[in-house]
Amino acid sequence: MSRLAAVLTAEVVAHDAGVAIRHHAHDAGQLSVVLGGTMTVTVERGWWLVPPGLAIWIPPGEIHAARYSESSRLINLKFDAGYAARLPDHGVPLVVSDLLRELAHEAVTLSGKAAMADVLQLIAGLVVHQVRLPVDAPGLFVPNGRDRRLRHVTDMLRDQPGNNASIEVLAALAHTSSRTLARLFVEETSLTFGRWREHLRVVCAVDRLTRGQSITRTALELGYQSASSFTTLFTRLLGEPPRRYMRRWEKSGAPERDNDGM
């Protein structure tokens, strides 16, 4: 491959439901554009849910893990150091515009073709421009904190988002006081415990709804007494009711597309 062609490579990747990729880092910067399914990307400071219609940028060297709750397809765009240096030095989510989606597909078609090196370089520049636009992605990031007592609680609730245990009970499980645990939430996540748990549940709800689960079942699994109480919280945090929110993001998700050489 020529020097120019190496600035950007792209491939379509498919993962089965339940696949988990352990913590690792890339030498190249990577932009993952989700075409179908959902992916969860975990970094030291927390984790993102990335459904169709969103993408996530991971810079070179940032340790991260990935998990797929259902069968998923995505395009991974990898940039050399020169282009990666133009982008943020930390993970960033972004909305996938029609232009970015088409650029990703075109990069897959041309990747590895030395004769198309100049076109790939142009595509790389346009993708960098798209990533650097102001972030308007929905807030589907859940901070987890670093203190071991706090992490004990946030990790447990991530696995059991419907757990309605009080902060006093959770503090006892983490071998600390409720006052200390409440302080750690504010200091390390910038959210009170109550707000953090609400946010966690809404992010988990988007994951379930993306997989086609009903609003009622989602509400009950996440610890709510009714679909209406869940819908009220969802609307307050994300600005619109679950059905309207999911319809909007489903429309922005990538359509299936045949592409020779995928």
C-alpha atoms as a PDB file:
ATOM      1  CA  MET A   1       0.000   0.000   0.000  1.00  0.00           C
ATOM      2  CA  SER A   2       1.346   3.447  -0.810  1.00  0.00           C
ATOM      3  CA  ARG A   3       2.178   6.058   1.798  1.00  0.00           C
ATOM      4  CA  LEU A   4      -0.946   8.062   0.987  1.00  0.00           C
ATOM      5  CA  ALA A   5      -3.260   5.069   1.133  1.00  0.00           C
ATOM      6  CA  ALA A   6      -2.026   4.325   4.652  1.00  0.00           C
ATOM      7  CA  VAL A   7      -3.555   7.508   6.093  1.00  0.00           C
ATOM      8  CA  LEU A   8      -6.930   5.755   6.253  1.00  0.00           C
ATOM      9  CA  THR A   9      -8.110   2.153   6.214  1.00  0.00           C
ATOM     10  CA  ALA A  10     -11.672   0.954   6.663  1.00  0.00           C
ATOM     11  CA  GLU A  11     -13.499  -2.325   7.146  1.00  0.00           C
ATOM     12  CA  VAL A  12     -16.968  -3.578   7.955  1.00  0.00           C
ATOM     13  CA  VAL A  13     -17.010  -5.658  11.147  1.00  0.00           C
ATOM     14  CA  ALA A  14     -19.805  -7.918  12.403  1.00  0.00           C
ATOM     15  CA  HIS A  15     -20.223  -9.186  15.977  1.00  0.00           C
ATOM     16  CA  ASP A  16     -22.685 -11.700  17.370  1.00  0.00           C
ATOM     17  CA  ALA A  17     -24.878 -10.883  20.346  1.00  0.00           C
ATOM     18  CA  GLY A  18     -23.011 -11.224  23.622  1.00  0.00           C
ATOM     19  CA  VAL A  19     -19.527 -10.720  22.197  1.00  0.00           C
ATOM     20  CA  ALA A  20     -17.205  -8.876  24.575  1.00  0.00           C
ATOM     21  CA  ILE A  21     -13.792  -7.536  23.602  1.00  0.00           C
ATOM     22  CA  ARG A  22     -11.358  -7.112  26.471  1.00  0.00           C
ATOM     23  CA  HIS A  23      -9.549  -3.898  27.318  1.00  0.00           C
ATOM     24  CA  HIS A  24      -7.000  -2.989  24.678  1.00  0.00           C
ATOM     25  CA  ALA A  25      -5.615   0.018  22.803  1.00  0.00           C
ATOM     26  CA  HIS A  26      -4.905   0.777  19.140  1.00  0.00           C
ATOM     27  CA  ASP A  27      -1.788   2.284  17.610  1.00  0.00           C
ATOM     28  CA  ALA A  28      -4.069   4.108  15.169  1.00  0.00           C
ATOM     29  CA  GLY A  29      -7.013   6.359  15.961  1.00  0.00           C
ATOM     30  CA  GLN A  30     -10.315   4.605  15.316  1.00  0.00           C
ATOM     31  CA  LEU A  31     -13.767   5.895  14.446  1.00  0.00           C
ATOM     32  CA  SER A  32     -16.480   3.244  14.791  1.00  0.00           C
ATOM     33  CA  VAL A  33     -19.701   3.950  12.882  1.00  0.00           C
ATOM     34  CA  VAL A  34     -22.542   1.721  14.054  1.00  0.00           C
ATOM     35  CA  LEU A  35     -24.704   0.422  11.205  1.00  0.00           C
ATOM     36  CA  GLY A  36     -26.910  -1.976  13.151  1.00  0.00           C
ATOM     37  CA  GLY A  37     -27.229  -3.313  16.678  1.00  0.00           C
ATOM     38  CA  THR A  38     -25.592  -1.507  19.577  1.00  0.00           C
ATOM     39  CA  MET A  39     -22.134  -1.374  21.087  1.00  0.00           C
ATOM     40  CA  THR A  40     -21.007  -0.380  24.552  1.00  0.00           C
ATOM     41  CA  VAL A  41     -17.540   1.155  24.795  1.00  0.00           C
ATOM     42  CA  THR A  42     -15.875   1.299  28.201  1.00  0.00           C
ATOM     43  CA  VAL A  43     -12.938   3.546  29.069  1.00  0.00           C
ATOM     44  CA  GLU A  44     -11.347   4.350  32.412  1.00  0.00           C
ATOM     45  CA  ARG A  45     -13.749   7.156  33.280  1.00  0.00           C
ATOM     46  CA  GLY A  46     -16.993   5.438  32.263  1.00  0.00           C
ATOM     47  CA  TRP A  47     -18.860   3.966  29.309  1.00  0.00           C
ATOM     48  CA  TRP A  48     -20.854   4.965  26.242  1.00  0.00           C
ATOM     49  CA  LEU A  49     -23.837   3.319  24.623  1.00  0.00           C
ATOM     50  CA  VAL A  50     -23.486   3.655  20.842  1.00  0.00           C
ATOM     51  CA  PRO A  51     -26.679   2.701  18.940  1.00  0.00           C
ATOM     52  CA  PRO A  52     -27.269   3.091  15.183  1.00  0.00           C
ATOM     53  CA  GLY A  53     -27.061   6.731  14.138  1.00  0.00           C
ATOM     54  CA  LEU A  54     -24.068   7.364  16.394  1.00  0.00           C
ATOM     55  CA  ALA A  55     -20.331   6.797  16.106  1.00  0.00           C
ATOM     56  CA  ILE A  56     -17.479   6.976  18.580  1.00  0.00           C
ATOM     57  CA  TRP A  57     -13.918   8.217  18.183  1.00  0.00           C
ATOM     58  CA  ILE A  58     -11.192   6.442  20.180  1.00  0.00           C
ATOM     59  CA  PRO A  59      -7.744   8.061  19.969  1.00  0.00           C
ATOM     60  CA  PRO A  60      -4.493   6.096  19.686  1.00  0.00           C
ATOM     61  CA  GLY A  61      -3.411   4.567  22.961  1.00  0.00           C
ATOM     62  CA  GLU A  62      -6.699   4.987  24.866  1.00  0.00           C
ATOM     63  CA  ILE A  63      -7.454   1.739  26.675  1.00  0.00           C
ATOM     64  CA  HIS A  64     -11.022   0.625  26.065  1.00  0.00           C
ATOM     65  CA  ALA A  65     -13.274  -2.417  25.901  1.00  0.00           C
ATOM     66  CA  ALA A  66     -16.351  -3.151  23.818  1.00  0.00           C
ATOM     67  CA  ARG A  67     -19.465  -5.239  24.290  1.00  0.00           C
ATOM     68  CA  TYR A  68     -22.333  -6.039  21.907  1.00  0.00           C
ATOM     69  CA  SER A  69     -25.776  -6.725  23.358  1.00  0.00           C
ATOM     70  CA  GLU A  70     -27.157  -7.912  20.029  1.00  0.00           C
ATOM     71  CA  SER A  71     -25.830  -8.857  16.601  1.00  0.00           C
ATOM     72  CA  SER A  72     -24.127  -5.704  15.360  1.00  0.00           C
ATOM     73  CA  ARG A  73     -22.443  -4.312  12.266  1.00  0.00           C
ATOM     74  CA  LEU A  74     -20.126  -1.345  12.163  1.00  0.00           C
ATOM     75  CA  ILE A  75     -17.510   0.318  10.025  1.00  0.00           C
ATOM     76  CA  ASN A  76     -14.138   0.878  11.655  1.00  0.00           C
ATOM     77  CA  LEU A  77     -12.135   3.739  10.158  1.00  0.00           C
ATOM     78  CA  LYS A  78      -8.485   3.806  11.245  1.00  0.00           C
ATOM     79  CA  PHE A  79      -6.311   6.898  10.829  1.00  0.00           C
ATOM     80  CA  ASP A  80      -2.558   7.263  10.866  1.00  0.00           C
ATOM     81  CA  ALA A  81      -0.858   9.391  13.527  1.00  0.00           C
ATOM     82  CA  GLY A  82      -0.893  12.570  11.441  1.00  0.00           C
ATOM     83  CA  TYR A  83      -4.653  12.580  11.010  1.00  0.00           C
ATOM     84  CA  ALA A  84      -5.369  11.239  14.508  1.00  0.00           C
ATOM     85  CA  ALA A  85      -3.412  14.177  15.958  1.00  0.00           C
ATOM     86  CA  ARG A  86      -6.033  16.549  14.503  1.00  0.00           C
ATOM     87  CA  LEU A  87      -8.773  14.895  16.538  1.00  0.00           C
ATOM     88  CA  PRO A  88      -9.585  14.870  20.287  1.00  0.00           C
ATOM     89  CA  ASP A  89      -7.195  13.072  22.620  1.00  0.00           C
ATOM     90  CA  HIS A  90     -10.092  11.351  24.399  1.00  0.00           C
ATOM     91  CA  GLY A  91     -13.128   9.327  23.364  1.00  0.00           C
ATOM     92  CA  VAL A  92     -15.870  11.378  21.703  1.00  0.00           C
ATOM     93  CA  PRO A  93     -19.343  10.325  20.472  1.00  0.00           C
ATOM     94  CA  LEU A  94     -20.916  11.994  17.463  1.00  0.00           C
ATOM     95  CA  VAL A  95     -24.054  11.870  15.390  1.00  0.00           C
ATOM     96  CA  VAL A  96     -23.562  10.147  12.042  1.00  0.00           C
ATOM     97  CA  SER A  97     -24.587  12.588   9.333  1.00  0.00           C
ATOM     98  CA  ASP A  98     -25.585  11.352   5.880  1.00  0.00           C
ATOM     99  CA  LEU A  99     -22.232  12.648   4.622  1.00  0.00           C
ATOM    100  CA  LEU A 100     -20.208  10.824   7.264  1.00  0.00           C
ATOM    101  CA  ARG A 101     -22.075   7.583   6.599  1.00  0.00           C
ATOM    102  CA  GLU A 102     -21.410   7.768   2.869  1.00  0.00           C
ATOM    103  CA  LEU A 103     -17.765   8.654   3.434  1.00  0.00           C
ATOM    104  CA  ALA A 104     -17.395   5.592   5.656  1.00  0.00           C
ATOM    105  CA  HIS A 105     -18.934   3.314   3.036  1.00  0.00           C
ATOM    106  CA  GLU A 106     -16.737   4.798   0.309  1.00  0.00           C
ATOM    107  CA  ALA A 107     -13.649   4.320   2.455  1.00  0.00           C
ATOM    108  CA  VAL A 108     -14.491   0.627   2.775  1.00  0.00           C
ATOM    109  CA  THR A 109     -14.762   0.310  -0.996  1.00  0.00           C
ATOM    110  CA  LEU A 110     -11.452   2.066  -1.635  1.00  0.00           C
ATOM    111  CA  SER A 111      -9.419   0.857   1.357  1.00  0.00           C
ATOM    112  CA  GLY A 112      -6.257  -0.960   0.306  1.00  0.00           C
ATOM    113  CA  LYS A 113      -6.373   0.237  -3.292  1.00  0.00           C
ATOM    114  CA  ALA A 114      -3.099   2.087  -3.813  1.00  0.00           C
ATOM    115  CA  ALA A 115      -4.433   3.689  -7.006  1.00  0.00           C
ATOM    116  CA  MET A 116      -7.061   5.457  -4.879  1.00  0.00           C
ATOM    117  CA  ALA A 117      -4.582   6.881  -2.377  1.00  0.00           C
ATOM    118  CA  ASP A 118      -5.392  10.484  -3.214  1.00  0.00           C
ATOM    119  CA  VAL A 119      -9.152   9.867  -2.871  1.00  0.00           C
ATOM    120  CA  LEU A 120      -8.647   8.154   0.493  1.00  0.00           C
ATOM    121  CA  GLN A 121      -6.638  11.133   1.655  1.00  0.00           C
ATOM    122  CA  LEU A 122      -9.505  13.445   0.700  1.00  0.00           C
ATOM    123  CA  ILE A 123     -11.985  11.180   2.500  1.00  0.00           C
ATOM    124  CA  ALA A 124      -9.772  11.189   5.606  1.00  0.00           C
ATOM    125  CA  GLY A 125      -9.754  14.984   5.613  1.00  0.00           C
ATOM    126  CA  LEU A 126     -13.540  15.170   5.267  1.00  0.00           C
ATOM    127  CA  VAL A 127     -14.085  12.636   8.050  1.00  0.00           C
ATOM    128  CA  VAL A 128     -11.767  14.608  10.324  1.00  0.00           C
ATOM    129  CA  HIS A 129     -13.858  17.698   9.576  1.00  0.00           C
ATOM    130  CA  GLN A 130     -17.042  15.819  10.505  1.00  0.00           C
ATOM    131  CA  VAL A 131     -15.589  14.567  13.789  1.00  0.00           C
ATOM    132  CA  ARG A 132     -14.406  18.049  14.750  1.00  0.00           C
ATOM    133  CA  LEU A 133     -17.841  19.600  14.348  1.00  0.00           C
ATOM    134  CA  PRO A 134     -19.515  20.623  17.642  1.00  0.00           C
ATOM    135  CA  VAL A 135     -20.723  17.542  19.489  1.00  0.00           C
ATOM    136  CA  ASP A 136     -24.505  17.211  19.457  1.00  0.00           C
ATOM    137  CA  ALA A 137     -24.699  13.534  20.334  1.00  0.00           C
ATOM    138  CA  PRO A 138     -27.197  12.542  23.047  1.00  0.00           C
ATOM    139  CA  GLY A 139     -25.826  12.084  26.547  1.00  0.00           C
ATOM    140  CA  LEU A 140     -25.420   8.305  26.515  1.00  0.00           C
ATOM    141  CA  PHE A 141     -22.242   8.323  28.615  1.00  0.00           C
ATOM    142  CA  VAL A 142     -22.286   6.960  32.177  1.00  0.00           C
ATOM    143  CA  PRO A 143     -19.342   8.029  34.393  1.00  0.00           C
ATOM    144  CA  ASN A 144     -18.186   5.373  36.833  1.00  0.00           C
ATOM    145  CA  GLY A 145     -15.641   7.137  39.051  1.00  0.00           C
ATOM    146  CA  ARG A 146     -12.285   5.822  40.259  1.00  0.00           C
ATOM    147  CA  ASP A 147     -12.570   5.357  44.015  1.00  0.00           C
ATOM    148  CA  ARG A 148     -12.796   1.628  44.723  1.00  0.00           C
ATOM    149  CA  ARG A 149     -15.855   2.073  46.971  1.00  0.00           C
ATOM    150  CA  LEU A 150     -17.660   4.084  44.349  1.00  0.00           C
ATOM    151  CA  ARG A 151     -16.649   1.666  41.593  1.00  0.00           C
ATOM    152  CA  HIS A 152     -17.998  -1.229  43.636  1.00  0.00           C
ATOM    153  CA  VAL A 153     -21.419   0.444  43.578  1.00  0.00           C
ATOM    154  CA  THR A 154     -21.389   1.756  40.010  1.00  0.00           C
ATOM    155  CA  ASP A 155     -20.197  -1.584  38.620  1.00  0.00           C
ATOM    156  CA  MET A 156     -22.898  -3.444  40.541  1.00  0.00           C
ATOM    157  CA  LEU A 157     -25.663  -1.099  39.382  1.00  0.00           C
ATOM    158  CA  ARG A 158     -24.426  -1.251  35.808  1.00  0.00           C
ATOM    159  CA  ASP A 159     -25.004  -5.019  35.964  1.00  0.00           C
ATOM    160  CA  GLN A 160     -28.259  -4.583  37.913  1.00  0.00           C
ATOM    161  CA  PRO A 161     -29.811  -1.282  36.758  1.00  0.00           C
ATOM    162  CA  GLY A 162     -33.213  -2.269  38.171  1.00  0.00           C
ATOM    163  CA  ASN A 163     -31.793  -2.610  41.679  1.00  0.00           C
ATOM    164  CA  ASN A 164     -33.716  -0.193  43.921  1.00  0.00           C
ATOM    165  CA  ALA A 165     -31.414  -0.497  46.947  1.00  0.00           C
ATOM    166  CA  SER A 166     -31.046   2.701  48.953  1.00  0.00           C
ATOM    167  CA  ILE A 167     -27.756   4.539  49.184  1.00  0.00           C
ATOM    168  CA  GLU A 168     -27.471   3.340  52.784  1.00  0.00           C
ATOM    169  CA  VAL A 169     -27.673  -0.298  51.697  1.00  0.00           C
ATOM    170  CA  LEU A 170     -25.253   0.244  48.839  1.00  0.00           C
ATOM    171  CA  ALA A 171     -22.798   2.074  51.089  1.00  0.00           C
ATOM    172  CA  ALA A 172     -22.805  -0.845  53.515  1.00  0.00           C
ATOM    173  CA  LEU A 173     -22.032  -3.235  50.650  1.00  0.00           C
ATOM    174  CA  ALA A 174     -19.101  -0.994  49.694  1.00  0.00           C
ATOM    175  CA  HIS A 175     -17.894  -0.831  53.313  1.00  0.00           C
ATOM    176  CA  THR A 176     -18.340   2.898  53.653  1.00  0.00           C
ATOM    177  CA  SER A 177     -20.901   5.383  54.960  1.00  0.00           C
ATOM    178  CA  SER A 178     -23.814   6.740  52.968  1.00  0.00           C
ATOM    179  CA  ARG A 179     -22.445  10.246  53.495  1.00  0.00           C
ATOM    180  CA  THR A 180     -19.074   9.297  52.010  1.00  0.00           C
ATOM    181  CA  LEU A 181     -20.674   7.483  49.096  1.00  0.00           C
ATOM    182  CA  ALA A 182     -22.925  10.453  48.338  1.00  0.00           C
ATOM    183  CA  ARG A 183     -19.873  12.740  48.363  1.00  0.00           C
ATOM    184  CA  LEU A 184     -17.946  10.423  46.033  1.00  0.00           C
ATOM    185  CA  PHE A 185     -20.774  10.438  43.493  1.00  0.00           C
ATOM    186  CA  VAL A 186     -20.766  14.224  43.320  1.00  0.00           C
ATOM    187  CA  GLU A 187     -16.974  14.570  43.291  1.00  0.00           C
ATOM    188  CA  GLU A 188     -16.220  11.849  40.730  1.00  0.00           C
ATOM    189  CA  THR A 189     -19.281  11.767  38.473  1.00  0.00           C
ATOM    190  CA  SER A 190     -20.562  15.352  38.873  1.00  0.00           C
ATOM    191  CA  LEU A 191     -23.987  13.853  39.641  1.00  0.00           C
ATOM    192  CA  THR A 192     -25.808  13.111  42.871  1.00  0.00           C
ATOM    193  CA  PHE A 193     -26.473   9.444  43.500  1.00  0.00           C
ATOM    194  CA  GLY A 194     -30.131   9.837  42.559  1.00  0.00           C
ATOM    195  CA  ARG A 195     -29.386  11.656  39.330  1.00  0.00           C
ATOM    196  CA  TRP A 196     -26.628   9.168  38.429  1.00  0.00           C
ATOM    197  CA  ARG A 197     -28.974   6.197  38.864  1.00  0.00           C
ATOM    198  CA  GLU A 198     -31.675   7.903  36.798  1.00  0.00           C
ATOM    199  CA  HIS A 199     -29.152   8.585  34.039  1.00  0.00           C
ATOM    200  CA  LEU A 200     -27.873   4.995  34.148  1.00  0.00           C
ATOM    201  CA  ARG A 201     -31.401   3.674  33.764  1.00  0.00           C
ATOM    202  CA  VAL A 202     -32.210   5.914  30.823  1.00  0.00           C
ATOM    203  CA  VAL A 203     -29.049   4.816  28.997  1.00  0.00           C
ATOM    204  CA  CYS A 204     -29.884   1.172  29.719  1.00  0.00           C
ATOM    205  CA  ALA A 205     -33.407   1.852  28.472  1.00  0.00           C
ATOM    206  CA  VAL A 206     -32.129   3.136  25.125  1.00  0.00           C
ATOM    207  CA  ASP A 207     -30.151  -0.090  24.759  1.00  0.00           C
ATOM    208  CA  ARG A 208     -33.223  -2.225  25.440  1.00  0.00           C
ATOM    209  CA  LEU A 209     -35.532  -0.150  23.237  1.00  0.00           C
ATOM    210  CA  THR A 210     -33.004  -0.286  20.379  1.00  0.00           C
ATOM    211  CA  ARG A 211     -33.238  -4.072  20.595  1.00  0.00           C
ATOM    212  CA  GLY A 212     -37.004  -3.870  20.128  1.00  0.00           C
ATOM    213  CA  GLN A 213     -38.036  -4.402  23.731  1.00  0.00           C
ATOM    214  CA  SER A 214     -41.362  -2.873  24.756  1.00  0.00           C
ATOM    215  CA  ILE A 215     -41.567   0.250  26.890  1.00  0.00           C
ATOM    216  CA  THR A 216     -43.531  -1.570  29.602  1.00  0.00           C
ATOM    217  CA  ARG A 217     -41.054  -4.430  29.905  1.00  0.00           C
ATOM    218  CA  THR A 218     -38.155  -1.982  29.880  1.00  0.00           C
ATOM    219  CA  ALA A 219     -39.752   0.089  32.636  1.00  0.00           C
ATOM    220  CA  LEU A 220     -40.348  -2.939  34.878  1.00  0.00           C
ATOM    221  CA  GLU A 221     -36.851  -4.361  34.313  1.00  0.00           C
ATOM    222  CA  LEU A 222     -35.330  -1.030  35.291  1.00  0.00           C
ATOM    223  CA  GLY A 223     -37.159  -0.834  38.607  1.00  0.00           C
ATOM    224  CA  TYR A 224     -40.134   1.381  37.754  1.00  0.00           C
ATOM    225  CA  GLN A 225     -43.650   0.625  38.927  1.00  0.00           C
ATOM    226  CA  SER A 226     -45.247   1.587  35.622  1.00  0.00           C
ATOM    227  CA  ALA A 227     -44.510   2.576  32.036  1.00  0.00           C
ATOM    228  CA  SER A 228     -45.874   6.056  32.722  1.00  0.00           C
ATOM    229  CA  SER A 229     -43.418   6.803  35.546  1.00  0.00           C
ATOM    230  CA  PHE A 230     -40.568   5.596  33.352  1.00  0.00           C
ATOM    231  CA  THR A 231     -41.780   7.675  30.406  1.00  0.00           C
ATOM    232  CA  THR A 232     -41.903  10.780  32.605  1.00  0.00           C
ATOM    233  CA  LEU A 233     -38.268  10.314  33.660  1.00  0.00           C
ATOM    234  CA  PHE A 234     -37.114   9.482  30.129  1.00  0.00           C
ATOM    235  CA  THR A 235     -38.770  12.615  28.773  1.00  0.00           C
ATOM    236  CA  ARG A 236     -37.273  14.793  31.489  1.00  0.00           C
ATOM    237  CA  LEU A 237     -33.727  13.562  30.875  1.00  0.00           C
ATOM    238  CA  LEU A 238     -33.676  13.153  27.077  1.00  0.00           C
ATOM    239  CA  GLY A 239     -36.206  15.808  26.090  1.00  0.00           C
ATOM    240  CA  GLU A 240     -38.847  13.650  24.428  1.00  0.00           C
ATOM    241  CA  PRO A 241     -40.889  10.477  25.104  1.00  0.00           C
ATOM    242  CA  PRO A 242     -39.302   7.076  24.388  1.00  0.00           C
ATOM    243  CA  ARG A 243     -41.253   6.292  21.208  1.00  0.00           C
ATOM    244  CA  ARG A 244     -40.526   9.654  19.614  1.00  0.00           C
ATOM    245  CA  TYR A 245     -36.886   9.513  20.674  1.00  0.00           C
ATOM    246  CA  MET A 246     -36.372   6.028  19.236  1.00  0.00           C
ATOM    247  CA  ARG A 247     -38.142   6.887  15.972  1.00  0.00           C
ATOM    248  CA  ARG A 248     -35.832   9.851  15.484  1.00  0.00           C
ATOM    249  CA  TRP A 249     -32.681   7.810  16.019  1.00  0.00           C
ATOM    250  CA  GLU A 250     -33.920   4.858  14.000  1.00  0.00           C
ATOM    251  CA  LYS A 251     -34.345   7.220  11.042  1.00  0.00           C
ATOM    252  CA  SER A 252     -30.758   8.405  11.431  1.00  0.00           C
ATOM    253  CA  GLY A 253     -29.409   4.859  11.597  1.00  0.00           C
ATOM    254  CA  ALA A 254     -27.561   3.529   8.576  1.00  0.00           C
ATOM    255  CA  PRO A 255     -29.635   1.645   6.011  1.00  0.00           C
ATOM    256  CA  GLU A 256     -28.399  -1.744   4.892  1.00  0.00           C
ATOM    257  CA  ARG A 257     -26.291  -1.406   1.777  1.00  0.00           C
ATOM    258  CA  ASP A 258     -24.678  -3.842  -0.589  1.00  0.00           C
ATOM    259  CA  ASN A 259     -21.030  -3.001  -1.149  1.00  0.00           C
ATOM    260  CA  ASP A 260     -18.714  -5.098  -3.284  1.00  0.00           C
ATOM    261  CA  GLY A 261     -15.644  -6.087  -1.354  1.00  0.00           C
ATOM    262  CA  MET A 262     -17.193  -5.818   2.134  1.00  0.00           C
END
